[in-house]
């Protein structure tokens, strides 16, 4: 909240009076990147086996059959979820993260031995 208020205060001073600070206020400094970004940069594990298996399962229509039959989910919702899972898997693969189909294998980076 403080950062938002300070942002508009600084912006207003700049726009209205052409006054700037020599350095950005501390509350406006960009904090460290997310934990996810650190993992990608360091080639750390992004998904557990269970998370990988669930993502791969969500790419199959059979994953949604019971919810569709019970009326919890429409066919369009299932297709959208299936599409989202496919896109998520594609994102991982584009960054070099391999999601093996075998349930007992852990996901890994392409360059690992």
PDB file of N, CA and C in Angstrom:
ATOM      1  N   UNK A   1       0.828  -1.188   0.000  1.00  0.00           N
ATOM      2  CA  UNK A   1       0.000   0.000   0.000  1.00  0.00           C
ATOM      3  C   UNK A   1       0.876   1.256   0.000  1.00  0.00           C
ATOM      4  N   UNK A   2       1.914   1.229   0.803  1.00  0.00           N
ATOM      5  CA  UNK A   2       2.799   2.378   0.881  1.00  0.00           C
ATOM      6  C   UNK A   2       3.436   2.656  -0.478  1.00  0.00           C
ATOM      7  N   UNK A   3       3.862   1.598  -1.151  1.00  0.00           N
ATOM      8  CA  UNK A   3       4.485   1.764  -2.458  1.00  0.00           C
ATOM      9  C   UNK A   3       3.559   2.414  -3.467  1.00  0.00           C
ATOM     10  N   UNK A   4       2.280   2.074  -3.430  1.00  0.00           N
ATOM     11  CA  UNK A   4       1.300   2.658  -4.350  1.00  0.00           C
ATOM     12  C   UNK A   4       1.139   4.150  -4.077  1.00  0.00           C
ATOM     13  N   UNK A   5       0.984   4.508  -2.804  1.00  0.00           N
ATOM     14  CA  UNK A   5       0.822   5.913  -2.435  1.00  0.00           C
ATOM     15  C   UNK A   5       2.067   6.705  -2.835  1.00  0.00           C
ATOM     16  N   UNK A   6       3.221   6.186  -2.533  1.00  0.00           N
ATOM     17  CA  UNK A   6       4.468   6.886  -2.863  1.00  0.00           C
ATOM     18  C   UNK A   6       4.633   7.001  -4.372  1.00  0.00           C
ATOM     19  N   UNK A   7       4.253   5.958  -5.111  1.00  0.00           N
ATOM     20  CA  UNK A   7       4.343   6.008  -6.576  1.00  0.00           C
ATOM     21  C   UNK A   7       3.564   7.198  -7.131  1.00  0.00           C
ATOM     22  N   UNK A   8       2.297   7.347  -6.680  1.00  0.00           N
ATOM     23  CA  UNK A   8       1.480   8.441  -7.185  1.00  0.00           C
ATOM     24  C   UNK A   8       1.931   9.795  -6.660  1.00  0.00           C
ATOM     25  N   UNK A   9       2.483   9.834  -5.480  1.00  0.00           N
ATOM     26  CA  UNK A   9       3.051  11.067  -4.951  1.00  0.00           C
ATOM     27  C   UNK A   9       4.234  11.501  -5.805  1.00  0.00           C
ATOM     28  N   UNK A  10       5.131  10.574  -6.092  1.00  0.00           N
ATOM     29  CA  UNK A  10       6.310  10.869  -6.908  1.00  0.00           C
ATOM     30  C   UNK A  10       5.893  11.260  -8.321  1.00  0.00           C
ATOM     31  N   UNK A  11       4.935  10.533  -8.877  1.00  0.00           N
ATOM     32  CA  UNK A  11       4.460  10.819 -10.228  1.00  0.00           C
ATOM     33  C   UNK A  11       3.814  12.208 -10.290  1.00  0.00           C
ATOM     34  N   UNK A  12       3.011  12.539  -9.292  1.00  0.00           N
ATOM     35  CA  UNK A  12       2.364  13.855  -9.244  1.00  0.00           C
ATOM     36  C   UNK A  12       3.371  14.978  -9.135  1.00  0.00           C
ATOM     37  N   UNK A  13       4.384  14.805  -8.294  1.00  0.00           N
ATOM     38  CA  UNK A  13       5.430  15.822  -8.173  1.00  0.00           C
ATOM     39  C   UNK A  13       6.151  16.031  -9.505  1.00  0.00           C
ATOM     40  N   UNK A  14       6.428  14.936 -10.192  1.00  0.00           N
ATOM     41  CA  UNK A  14       7.130  15.008 -11.484  1.00  0.00           C
ATOM     42  C   UNK A  14       6.250  15.684 -12.533  1.00  0.00           C
ATOM     43  N   UNK A  15       4.983  15.253 -12.635  1.00  0.00           N
ATOM     44  CA  UNK A  15       4.081  15.792 -13.660  1.00  0.00           C
ATOM     45  C   UNK A  15       3.696  17.246 -13.404  1.00  0.00           C
ATOM     46  N   UNK A  16       3.372  17.578 -12.160  1.00  0.00           N
ATOM     47  CA  UNK A  16       2.860  18.916 -11.854  1.00  0.00           C
ATOM     48  C   UNK A  16       3.955  19.963 -11.640  1.00  0.00           C
ATOM     49  N   UNK A  17       5.042  19.560 -10.968  1.00  0.00           N
ATOM     50  CA  UNK A  17       6.049  20.550 -10.594  1.00  0.00           C
ATOM     51  C   UNK A  17       7.432  20.280 -11.186  1.00  0.00           C
ATOM     52  N   UNK A  18       7.554  19.214 -11.953  1.00  0.00           N
ATOM     53  CA  UNK A  18       8.823  18.802 -12.541  1.00  0.00           C
ATOM     54  C   UNK A  18       9.919  18.657 -11.479  1.00  0.00           C
ATOM     55  N   UNK A  19       9.536  18.044 -10.356  1.00  0.00           N
ATOM     56  CA  UNK A  19      10.456  17.800  -9.256  1.00  0.00           C
ATOM     57  C   UNK A  19      10.662  16.298  -9.137  1.00  0.00           C
ATOM     58  N   UNK A  20      11.948  15.893  -9.039  1.00  0.00           N
ATOM     59  CA  UNK A  20      12.259  14.466  -8.909  1.00  0.00           C
ATOM     60  C   UNK A  20      13.210  14.248  -7.749  1.00  0.00           C
ATOM     61  N   UNK A  21      13.214  13.041  -7.245  1.00  0.00           N
ATOM     62  CA  UNK A  21      14.179  12.646  -6.227  1.00  0.00           C
ATOM     63  C   UNK A  21      15.457  12.209  -6.927  1.00  0.00           C
ATOM     64  N   UNK A  22      16.599  12.393  -6.276  1.00  0.00           N
ATOM     65  CA  UNK A  22      17.865  11.946  -6.849  1.00  0.00           C
ATOM     66  C   UNK A  22      17.867  10.421  -6.966  1.00  0.00           C
ATOM     67  N   UNK A  23      17.331   9.753  -5.978  1.00  0.00           N
ATOM     68  CA  UNK A  23      17.193   8.296  -5.994  1.00  0.00           C
ATOM     69  C   UNK A  23      15.728   7.955  -5.783  1.00  0.00           C
ATOM     70  N   UNK A  24      15.327   6.800  -6.317  1.00  0.00           N
ATOM     71  CA  UNK A  24      13.960   6.339  -6.106  1.00  0.00           C
ATOM     72  C   UNK A  24      13.742   6.086  -4.622  1.00  0.00           C
ATOM     73  N   UNK A  25      12.573   6.446  -4.100  1.00  0.00           N
ATOM     74  CA  UNK A  25      12.279   6.111  -2.700  1.00  0.00           C
ATOM     75  C   UNK A  25      12.369   4.598  -2.479  1.00  0.00           C
ATOM     76  N   UNK A  26      12.792   4.210  -1.314  1.00  0.00           N
ATOM     77  CA  UNK A  26      12.994   2.798  -0.989  1.00  0.00           C
ATOM     78  C   UNK A  26      11.730   1.990  -1.226  1.00  0.00           C
ATOM     79  N   UNK A  27      10.569   2.553  -0.934  1.00  0.00           N
ATOM     80  CA  UNK A  27       9.328   1.808  -1.091  1.00  0.00           C
ATOM     81  C   UNK A  27       8.981   1.544  -2.554  1.00  0.00           C
ATOM     82  N   UNK A  28       9.681   2.174  -3.499  1.00  0.00           N
ATOM     83  CA  UNK A  28       9.424   1.953  -4.921  1.00  0.00           C
ATOM     84  C   UNK A  28      10.445   1.033  -5.579  1.00  0.00           C
ATOM     85  N   UNK A  29      11.471   0.663  -4.835  1.00  0.00           N
ATOM     86  CA  UNK A  29      12.483  -0.218  -5.412  1.00  0.00           C
ATOM     87  C   UNK A  29      11.900  -1.597  -5.657  1.00  0.00           C
ATOM     88  N   UNK A  30      12.281  -2.205  -6.761  1.00  0.00           N
ATOM     89  CA  UNK A  30      11.797  -3.532  -7.106  1.00  0.00           C
ATOM     90  C   UNK A  30      12.493  -4.540  -6.204  1.00  0.00           C
ATOM     91  N   UNK A  31      11.690  -5.328  -5.575  1.00  0.00           N
ATOM     92  CA  UNK A  31      12.219  -6.356  -4.673  1.00  0.00           C
ATOM     93  C   UNK A  31      12.750  -7.531  -5.479  1.00  0.00           C
ATOM     94  N   UNK A  32      13.340  -8.464  -4.803  1.00  0.00           N
ATOM     95  CA  UNK A  32      13.892  -9.653  -5.467  1.00  0.00           C
ATOM     96  C   UNK A  32      12.796 -10.346  -6.275  1.00  0.00           C
ATOM     97  N   UNK A  33      13.222 -10.983  -7.334  1.00  0.00           N
ATOM     98  CA  UNK A  33      12.263 -11.668  -8.193  1.00  0.00           C
ATOM     99  C   UNK A  33      11.608 -12.821  -7.431  1.00  0.00           C
ATOM    100  N   UNK A  34      10.604 -13.376  -8.030  1.00  0.00           N
ATOM    101  CA  UNK A  34       9.866 -14.441  -7.355  1.00  0.00           C
ATOM    102  C   UNK A  34      10.726 -15.690  -7.172  1.00  0.00           C
ATOM    103  N   UNK A  35      10.289 -16.532  -6.282  1.00  0.00           N
ATOM    104  CA  UNK A  35      10.969 -17.788  -6.013  1.00  0.00           C
ATOM    105  C   UNK A  35      11.005 -18.648  -7.275  1.00  0.00           C
ATOM    106  N   UNK A  36       9.920 -18.594  -8.056  1.00  0.00           N
ATOM    107  CA  UNK A  36       9.836 -19.357  -9.307  1.00  0.00           C
ATOM    108  C   UNK A  36      10.948 -18.924 -10.267  1.00  0.00           C
ATOM    109  N   UNK A  37      11.151 -17.611 -10.413  1.00  0.00           N
ATOM    110  CA  UNK A  37      12.196 -17.109 -11.313  1.00  0.00           C
ATOM    111  C   UNK A  37      13.587 -17.561 -10.859  1.00  0.00           C
ATOM    112  N   UNK A  38      13.790 -17.586  -9.549  1.00  0.00           N
ATOM    113  CA  UNK A  38      15.076 -18.045  -9.022  1.00  0.00           C
ATOM    114  C   UNK A  38      15.303 -19.510  -9.342  1.00  0.00           C
ATOM    115  N   UNK A  39      14.242 -20.308  -9.239  1.00  0.00           N
ATOM    116  CA  UNK A  39      14.357 -21.735  -9.544  1.00  0.00           C
ATOM    117  C   UNK A  39      14.688 -21.953 -11.014  1.00  0.00           C
ATOM    118  N   UNK A  40      14.045 -21.198 -11.886  1.00  0.00           N
ATOM    119  CA  UNK A  40      14.305 -21.341 -13.323  1.00  0.00           C
ATOM    120  C   UNK A  40      15.737 -20.940 -13.629  1.00  0.00           C
ATOM    121  N   UNK A  41      16.184 -19.824 -13.085  1.00  0.00           N
ATOM    122  CA  UNK A  41      17.541 -19.349 -13.344  1.00  0.00           C
ATOM    123  C   UNK A  41      18.587 -20.328 -12.823  1.00  0.00           C
ATOM    124  N   UNK A  42      18.329 -20.933 -11.687  1.00  0.00           N
ATOM    125  CA  UNK A  42      19.279 -21.867 -11.093  1.00  0.00           C
ATOM    126  C   UNK A  42      19.068 -23.304 -11.517  1.00  0.00           C
ATOM    127  N   UNK A  43      18.149 -23.517 -12.451  1.00  0.00           N
ATOM    128  CA  UNK A  43      17.837 -24.868 -12.936  1.00  0.00           C
ATOM    129  C   UNK A  43      17.466 -25.797 -11.780  1.00  0.00           C
ATOM    130  N   UNK A  44      16.660 -25.279 -10.872  1.00  0.00           N
ATOM    131  CA  UNK A  44      16.175 -26.070  -9.738  1.00  0.00           C
ATOM    132  C   UNK A  44      14.893 -26.797 -10.122  1.00  0.00           C
ATOM    133  N   UNK A  45      14.457 -27.705  -9.260  1.00  0.00           N
ATOM    134  CA  UNK A  45      13.229 -28.452  -9.503  1.00  0.00           C
ATOM    135  C   UNK A  45      12.035 -27.505  -9.434  1.00  0.00           C
ATOM    136  N   UNK A  46      11.197 -27.538 -10.470  1.00  0.00           N
ATOM    137  CA  UNK A  46      10.009 -26.692 -10.507  1.00  0.00           C
ATOM    138  C   UNK A  46       8.759 -27.429 -10.064  1.00  0.00           C
ATOM    139  N   UNK A  47       8.698 -28.740 -10.335  1.00  0.00           N
ATOM    140  CA  UNK A  47       7.532 -29.545 -10.002  1.00  0.00           C
ATOM    141  C   UNK A  47       7.942 -30.813  -9.267  1.00  0.00           C
ATOM    142  N   UNK A  48       7.105 -31.250  -8.368  1.00  0.00           N
ATOM    143  CA  UNK A  48       7.316 -32.556  -7.750  1.00  0.00           C
ATOM    144  C   UNK A  48       6.765 -33.616  -8.707  1.00  0.00           C
ATOM    145  N   UNK A  49       7.024 -34.878  -8.401  1.00  0.00           N
ATOM    146  CA  UNK A  49       6.467 -35.963  -9.220  1.00  0.00           C
ATOM    147  C   UNK A  49       4.949 -35.885  -9.239  1.00  0.00           C
ATOM    148  N   UNK A  50       4.350 -35.650  -8.074  1.00  0.00           N
ATOM    149  CA  UNK A  50       2.893 -35.591  -7.987  1.00  0.00           C
ATOM    150  C   UNK A  50       2.320 -34.436  -8.815  1.00  0.00           C
ATOM    151  N   UNK A  51       2.973 -33.283  -8.754  1.00  0.00           N
ATOM    152  CA  UNK A  51       2.511 -32.140  -9.543  1.00  0.00           C
ATOM    153  C   UNK A  51       2.639 -32.425 -11.036  1.00  0.00           C
ATOM    154  N   UNK A  52       3.760 -33.049 -11.415  1.00  0.00           N
ATOM    155  CA  UNK A  52       3.968 -33.407 -12.819  1.00  0.00           C
ATOM    156  C   UNK A  52       2.921 -34.402 -13.271  1.00  0.00           C
ATOM    157  N   UNK A  53       2.648 -35.425 -12.462  1.00  0.00           N
ATOM    158  CA  UNK A  53       1.659 -36.442 -12.810  1.00  0.00           C
ATOM    159  C   UNK A  53       0.260 -35.843 -12.926  1.00  0.00           C
ATOM    160  N   UNK A  54      -0.066 -34.914 -12.043  1.00  0.00           N
ATOM    161  CA  UNK A  54      -1.380 -34.280 -12.109  1.00  0.00           C
ATOM    162  C   UNK A  54      -1.512 -33.428 -13.372  1.00  0.00           C
ATOM    163  N   UNK A  55      -0.462 -32.687 -13.710  1.00  0.00           N
ATOM    164  CA  UNK A  55      -0.491 -31.884 -14.929  1.00  0.00           C
ATOM    165  C   UNK A  55      -0.675 -32.760 -16.162  1.00  0.00           C
ATOM    166  N   UNK A  56       0.059 -33.864 -16.212  1.00  0.00           N
ATOM    167  CA  UNK A  56      -0.076 -34.773 -17.350  1.00  0.00           C
ATOM    168  C   UNK A  56      -1.455 -35.432 -17.376  1.00  0.00           C
ATOM    169  N   UNK A  57      -2.021 -35.716 -16.216  1.00  0.00           N
ATOM    170  CA  UNK A  57      -3.359 -36.307 -16.155  1.00  0.00           C
ATOM    171  C   UNK A  57      -4.412 -35.315 -16.642  1.00  0.00           C
ATOM    172  N   UNK A  58      -4.217 -34.050 -16.324  1.00  0.00           N
ATOM    173  CA  UNK A  58      -5.167 -33.023 -16.743  1.00  0.00           C
ATOM    174  C   UNK A  58      -5.181 -32.826 -18.253  1.00  0.00           C
ATOM    175  N   UNK A  59      -4.210 -33.400 -18.934  1.00  0.00           N
ATOM    176  CA  UNK A  59      -4.166 -33.312 -20.393  1.00  0.00           C
ATOM    177  C   UNK A  59      -4.995 -34.416 -21.045  1.00  0.00           C
ATOM    178  N   UNK A  60      -5.618 -35.265 -20.234  1.00  0.00           N
ATOM    179  CA  UNK A  60      -6.448 -36.360 -20.732  1.00  0.00           C
ATOM    180  C   UNK A  60      -7.922 -36.071 -20.410  1.00  0.00           C
ATOM    181  N   UNK A  61      -8.782 -36.328 -21.383  1.00  0.00           N
ATOM    182  CA  UNK A  61     -10.214 -36.095 -21.182  1.00  0.00           C
ATOM    183  C   UNK A  61     -10.779 -36.979 -20.071  1.00  0.00           C
ATOM    184  N   UNK A  62     -10.207 -38.140 -19.870  1.00  0.00           N
ATOM    185  CA  UNK A  62     -10.689 -39.063 -18.831  1.00  0.00           C
ATOM    186  C   UNK A  62     -10.589 -38.441 -17.435  1.00  0.00           C
ATOM    187  N   UNK A  63      -9.691 -37.488 -17.241  1.00  0.00           N
ATOM    188  CA  UNK A  63      -9.525 -36.807 -15.958  1.00  0.00           C
ATOM    189  C   UNK A  63     -10.819 -36.061 -15.573  1.00  0.00           C
ATOM    190  N   UNK A  64     -11.541 -35.567 -16.572  1.00  0.00           N
ATOM    191  CA  UNK A  64     -12.708 -34.727 -16.343  1.00  0.00           C
ATOM    192  C   UNK A  64     -14.038 -35.462 -16.476  1.00  0.00           C
ATOM    193  N   UNK A  65     -14.026 -36.727 -16.900  1.00  0.00           N
ATOM    194  CA  UNK A  65     -15.263 -37.454 -17.198  1.00  0.00           C
ATOM    195  C   UNK A  65     -16.238 -37.508 -16.027  1.00  0.00           C
ATOM    196  N   UNK A  66     -15.752 -37.808 -14.835  1.00  0.00           N
ATOM    197  CA  UNK A  66     -16.670 -37.928 -13.690  1.00  0.00           C
ATOM    198  C   UNK A  66     -17.282 -36.577 -13.333  1.00  0.00           C
ATOM    199  N   UNK A  67     -16.515 -35.509 -13.399  1.00  0.00           N
ATOM    200  CA  UNK A  67     -17.052 -34.179 -13.101  1.00  0.00           C
ATOM    201  C   UNK A  67     -18.091 -33.755 -14.127  1.00  0.00           C
ATOM    202  N   UNK A  68     -17.843 -34.103 -15.391  1.00  0.00           N
ATOM    203  CA  UNK A  68     -18.808 -33.781 -16.441  1.00  0.00           C
ATOM    204  C   UNK A  68     -20.090 -34.581 -16.217  1.00  0.00           C
ATOM    205  N   UNK A  69     -19.956 -35.874 -15.903  1.00  0.00           N
ATOM    206  CA  UNK A  69     -21.120 -36.744 -15.691  1.00  0.00           C
ATOM    207  C   UNK A  69     -21.948 -36.287 -14.500  1.00  0.00           C
ATOM    208  N   UNK A  70     -21.292 -35.780 -13.452  1.00  0.00           N
ATOM    209  CA  UNK A  70     -21.996 -35.337 -12.252  1.00  0.00           C
ATOM    210  C   UNK A  70     -22.531 -33.913 -12.386  1.00  0.00           C
ATOM    211  N   UNK A  71     -22.204 -33.252 -13.484  1.00  0.00           N
ATOM    212  CA  UNK A  71     -22.678 -31.887 -13.702  1.00  0.00           C
ATOM    213  C   UNK A  71     -21.869 -30.823 -12.990  1.00  0.00           C
ATOM    214  N   UNK A  72     -20.724 -31.199 -12.423  1.00  0.00           N
ATOM    215  CA  UNK A  72     -19.864 -30.236 -11.734  1.00  0.00           C
ATOM    216  C   UNK A  72     -19.116 -29.352 -12.726  1.00  0.00           C
ATOM    217  N   UNK A  73     -18.982 -29.846 -13.954  1.00  0.00           N
ATOM    218  CA  UNK A  73     -18.197 -29.152 -14.961  1.00  0.00           C
ATOM    219  C   UNK A  73     -18.867 -29.350 -16.318  1.00  0.00           C
ATOM    220  N   UNK A  74     -18.883 -28.288 -17.121  1.00  0.00           N
ATOM    221  CA  UNK A  74     -19.445 -28.419 -18.462  1.00  0.00           C
ATOM    222  C   UNK A  74     -18.359 -28.949 -19.408  1.00  0.00           C
ATOM    223  N   UNK A  75     -18.782 -29.372 -20.567  1.00  0.00           N
ATOM    224  CA  UNK A  75     -17.838 -29.871 -21.572  1.00  0.00           C
ATOM    225  C   UNK A  75     -16.884 -28.748 -21.986  1.00  0.00           C
ATOM    226  N   UNK A  76     -17.401 -27.527 -22.113  1.00  0.00           N
ATOM    227  CA  UNK A  76     -16.556 -26.390 -22.487  1.00  0.00           C
ATOM    228  C   UNK A  76     -15.506 -26.104 -21.417  1.00  0.00           C
ATOM    229  N   UNK A  77     -15.903 -26.197 -20.139  1.00  0.00           N
ATOM    230  CA  UNK A  77     -14.949 -25.994 -19.048  1.00  0.00           C
ATOM    231  C   UNK A  77     -13.855 -27.054 -19.073  1.00  0.00           C
ATOM    232  N   UNK A  78     -14.246 -28.285 -19.351  1.00  0.00           N
ATOM    233  CA  UNK A  78     -13.271 -29.375 -19.421  1.00  0.00           C
ATOM    234  C   UNK A  78     -12.290 -29.134 -20.565  1.00  0.00           C
ATOM    235  N   UNK A  79     -12.805 -28.707 -21.702  1.00  0.00           N
ATOM    236  CA  UNK A  79     -11.928 -28.440 -22.847  1.00  0.00           C
ATOM    237  C   UNK A  79     -10.972 -27.280 -22.543  1.00  0.00           C
ATOM    238  N   UNK A  80     -11.459 -26.269 -21.838  1.00  0.00           N
ATOM    239  CA  UNK A  80     -10.609 -25.140 -21.466  1.00  0.00           C
ATOM    240  C   UNK A  80      -9.529 -25.590 -20.474  1.00  0.00           C
ATOM    241  N   UNK A  81      -9.896 -26.418 -19.518  1.00  0.00           N
ATOM    242  CA  UNK A  81      -8.918 -26.932 -18.556  1.00  0.00           C
ATOM    243  C   UNK A  81      -7.876 -27.800 -19.247  1.00  0.00           C
ATOM    244  N   UNK A  82      -8.324 -28.600 -20.186  1.00  0.00           N
ATOM    245  CA  UNK A  82      -7.415 -29.445 -20.954  1.00  0.00           C
ATOM    246  C   UNK A  82      -6.435 -28.570 -21.742  1.00  0.00           C
ATOM    247  N   UNK A  83      -6.952 -27.527 -22.358  1.00  0.00           N
ATOM    248  CA  UNK A  83      -6.116 -26.586 -23.123  1.00  0.00           C
ATOM    249  C   UNK A  83      -5.107 -25.889 -22.205  1.00  0.00           C
ATOM    250  N   UNK A  84      -5.550 -25.459 -21.027  1.00  0.00           N
ATOM    251  CA  UNK A  84      -4.659 -24.788 -20.074  1.00  0.00           C
ATOM    252  C   UNK A  84      -3.527 -25.717 -19.635  1.00  0.00           C
ATOM    253  N   UNK A  85      -3.851 -26.979 -19.394  1.00  0.00           N
ATOM    254  CA  UNK A  85      -2.831 -27.949 -18.984  1.00  0.00           C
ATOM    255  C   UNK A  85      -1.816 -28.147 -20.105  1.00  0.00           C
ATOM    256  N   UNK A  86      -2.304 -28.242 -21.340  1.00  0.00           N
ATOM    257  CA  UNK A  86      -1.404 -28.411 -22.483  1.00  0.00           C
ATOM    258  C   UNK A  86      -0.479 -27.210 -22.625  1.00  0.00           C
ATOM    259  N   UNK A  87      -1.027 -25.997 -22.468  1.00  0.00           N
ATOM    260  CA  UNK A  87      -0.214 -24.781 -22.578  1.00  0.00           C
ATOM    261  C   UNK A  87       0.825 -24.709 -21.465  1.00  0.00           C
ATOM    262  N   UNK A  88       0.439 -25.118 -20.257  1.00  0.00           N
ATOM    263  CA  UNK A  88       1.381 -25.109 -19.124  1.00  0.00           C
ATOM    264  C   UNK A  88       2.540 -26.074 -19.387  1.00  0.00           C
ATOM    265  N   UNK A  89       2.207 -27.268 -19.897  1.00  0.00           N
ATOM    266  CA  UNK A  89       3.246 -28.249 -20.220  1.00  0.00           C
ATOM    267  C   UNK A  89       4.165 -27.704 -21.307  1.00  0.00           C
ATOM    268  N   UNK A  90       3.581 -27.050 -22.282  1.00  0.00           N
ATOM    269  CA  UNK A  90       4.363 -26.470 -23.380  1.00  0.00           C
ATOM    270  C   UNK A  90       5.321 -25.392 -22.864  1.00  0.00           C
ATOM    271  N   UNK A  91       4.869 -24.577 -21.910  1.00  0.00           N
ATOM    272  CA  UNK A  91       5.724 -23.550 -21.307  1.00  0.00           C
ATOM    273  C   UNK A  91       6.943 -24.188 -20.643  1.00  0.00           C
ATOM    274  N   UNK A  92       6.698 -25.264 -19.885  1.00  0.00           N
ATOM    275  CA  UNK A  92       7.811 -25.946 -19.222  1.00  0.00           C
ATOM    276  C   UNK A  92       8.791 -26.501 -20.256  1.00  0.00           C
ATOM    277  N   UNK A  93       8.264 -27.112 -21.306  1.00  0.00           N
ATOM    278  CA  UNK A  93       9.126 -27.719 -22.320  1.00  0.00           C
ATOM    279  C   UNK A  93       9.918 -26.667 -23.085  1.00  0.00           C
ATOM    280  N   UNK A  94       9.328 -25.499 -23.329  1.00  0.00           N
ATOM    281  CA  UNK A  94      10.027 -24.440 -24.047  1.00  0.00           C
ATOM    282  C   UNK A  94      11.206 -23.892 -23.256  1.00  0.00           C
ATOM    283  N   UNK A  95      11.119 -23.945 -21.929  1.00  0.00           N
ATOM    284  CA  UNK A  95      12.243 -23.471 -21.120  1.00  0.00           C
ATOM    285  C   UNK A  95      13.262 -24.580 -20.852  1.00  0.00           C
ATOM    286  N   UNK A  96      13.020 -25.770 -21.416  1.00  0.00           N
ATOM    287  CA  UNK A  96      13.979 -26.862 -21.282  1.00  0.00           C
ATOM    288  C   UNK A  96      13.703 -27.815 -20.139  1.00  0.00           C
ATOM    289  N   UNK A  97      12.525 -27.780 -19.575  1.00  0.00           N
ATOM    290  CA  UNK A  97      12.149 -28.644 -18.456  1.00  0.00           C
ATOM    291  C   UNK A  97      11.382 -29.840 -19.014  1.00  0.00           C
ATOM    292  N   UNK A  98      11.857 -31.030 -18.739  1.00  0.00           N
ATOM    293  CA  UNK A  98      11.282 -32.251 -19.294  1.00  0.00           C
ATOM    294  C   UNK A  98      10.321 -32.877 -18.289  1.00  0.00           C
ATOM    295  N   UNK A  99       9.122 -33.232 -18.777  1.00  0.00           N
ATOM    296  CA  UNK A  99       8.113 -33.880 -17.944  1.00  0.00           C
ATOM    297  C   UNK A  99       7.896 -35.293 -18.481  1.00  0.00           C
ATOM    298  N   UNK A 100       8.659 -36.269 -17.955  1.00  0.00           N
ATOM    299  CA  UNK A 100       8.525 -37.636 -18.465  1.00  0.00           C
ATOM    300  C   UNK A 100       7.141 -38.221 -18.186  1.00  0.00           C
ATOM    301  N   UNK A 101       6.667 -39.039 -19.117  1.00  0.00           N
ATOM    302  CA  UNK A 101       5.333 -39.634 -19.006  1.00  0.00           C
ATOM    303  C   UNK A 101       5.271 -40.677 -17.904  1.00  0.00           C
ATOM    304  N   UNK A 102       6.358 -41.395 -17.681  1.00  0.00           N
ATOM    305  CA  UNK A 102       6.393 -42.434 -16.665  1.00  0.00           C
ATOM    306  C   UNK A 102       6.159 -41.815 -15.285  1.00  0.00           C
ATOM    307  N   UNK A 103       5.194 -42.343 -14.545  1.00  0.00           N
ATOM    308  CA  UNK A 103       4.776 -41.751 -13.271  1.00  0.00           C
ATOM    309  C   UNK A 103       5.869 -41.725 -12.214  1.00  0.00           C
ATOM    310  N   UNK A 104       6.788 -42.684 -12.246  1.00  0.00           N
ATOM    311  CA  UNK A 104       7.813 -42.763 -11.206  1.00  0.00           C
ATOM    312  C   UNK A 104       9.029 -41.892 -11.499  1.00  0.00           C
ATOM    313  N   UNK A 105       9.094 -41.306 -12.695  1.00  0.00           N
ATOM    314  CA  UNK A 105      10.236 -40.461 -13.039  1.00  0.00           C
ATOM    315  C   UNK A 105       9.955 -39.015 -12.650  1.00  0.00           C
ATOM    316  N   UNK A 106      10.991 -38.379 -12.113  1.00  0.00           N
ATOM    317  CA  UNK A 106      10.882 -36.975 -11.725  1.00  0.00           C
ATOM    318  C   UNK A 106      11.130 -36.088 -12.933  1.00  0.00           C
ATOM    319  N   UNK A 107      10.530 -34.891 -12.939  1.00  0.00           N
ATOM    320  CA  UNK A 107      10.846 -33.945 -14.008  1.00  0.00           C
ATOM    321  C   UNK A 107      12.299 -33.484 -13.875  1.00  0.00           C
ATOM    322  N   UNK A 108      12.894 -33.106 -14.982  1.00  0.00           N
ATOM    323  CA  UNK A 108      14.300 -32.697 -14.962  1.00  0.00           C
ATOM    324  C   UNK A 108      14.571 -31.696 -16.075  1.00  0.00           C
ATOM    325  N   UNK A 109      15.720 -31.038 -15.973  1.00  0.00           N
ATOM    326  CA  UNK A 109      16.158 -30.101 -17.012  1.00  0.00           C
ATOM    327  C   UNK A 109      16.882 -30.867 -18.100  1.00  0.00           C
ATOM    328  N   UNK A 110      16.764 -30.458 -19.346  1.00  0.00           N
ATOM    329  CA  UNK A 110      17.366 -31.151 -20.487  1.00  0.00           C
ATOM    330  C   UNK A 110      18.873 -31.316 -20.344  1.00  0.00           C
ATOM    331  N   UNK A 111      19.536 -30.329 -19.807  1.00  0.00           N
ATOM    332  CA  UNK A 111      21.003 -30.340 -19.746  1.00  0.00           C
ATOM    333  C   UNK A 111      21.563 -31.145 -18.591  1.00  0.00           C
ATOM    334  N   UNK A 112      20.678 -31.685 -17.728  1.00  0.00           N
ATOM    335  CA  UNK A 112      21.166 -32.500 -16.602  1.00  0.00           C
ATOM    336  C   UNK A 112      21.664 -33.835 -17.094  1.00  0.00           C
ATOM    337  N   UNK A 113      22.596 -34.392 -16.347  1.00  0.00           N
ATOM    338  CA  UNK A 113      23.130 -35.721 -16.706  1.00  0.00           C
ATOM    339  C   UNK A 113      22.300 -36.811 -16.084  1.00  0.00           C
TER     340      UNK A 113
END
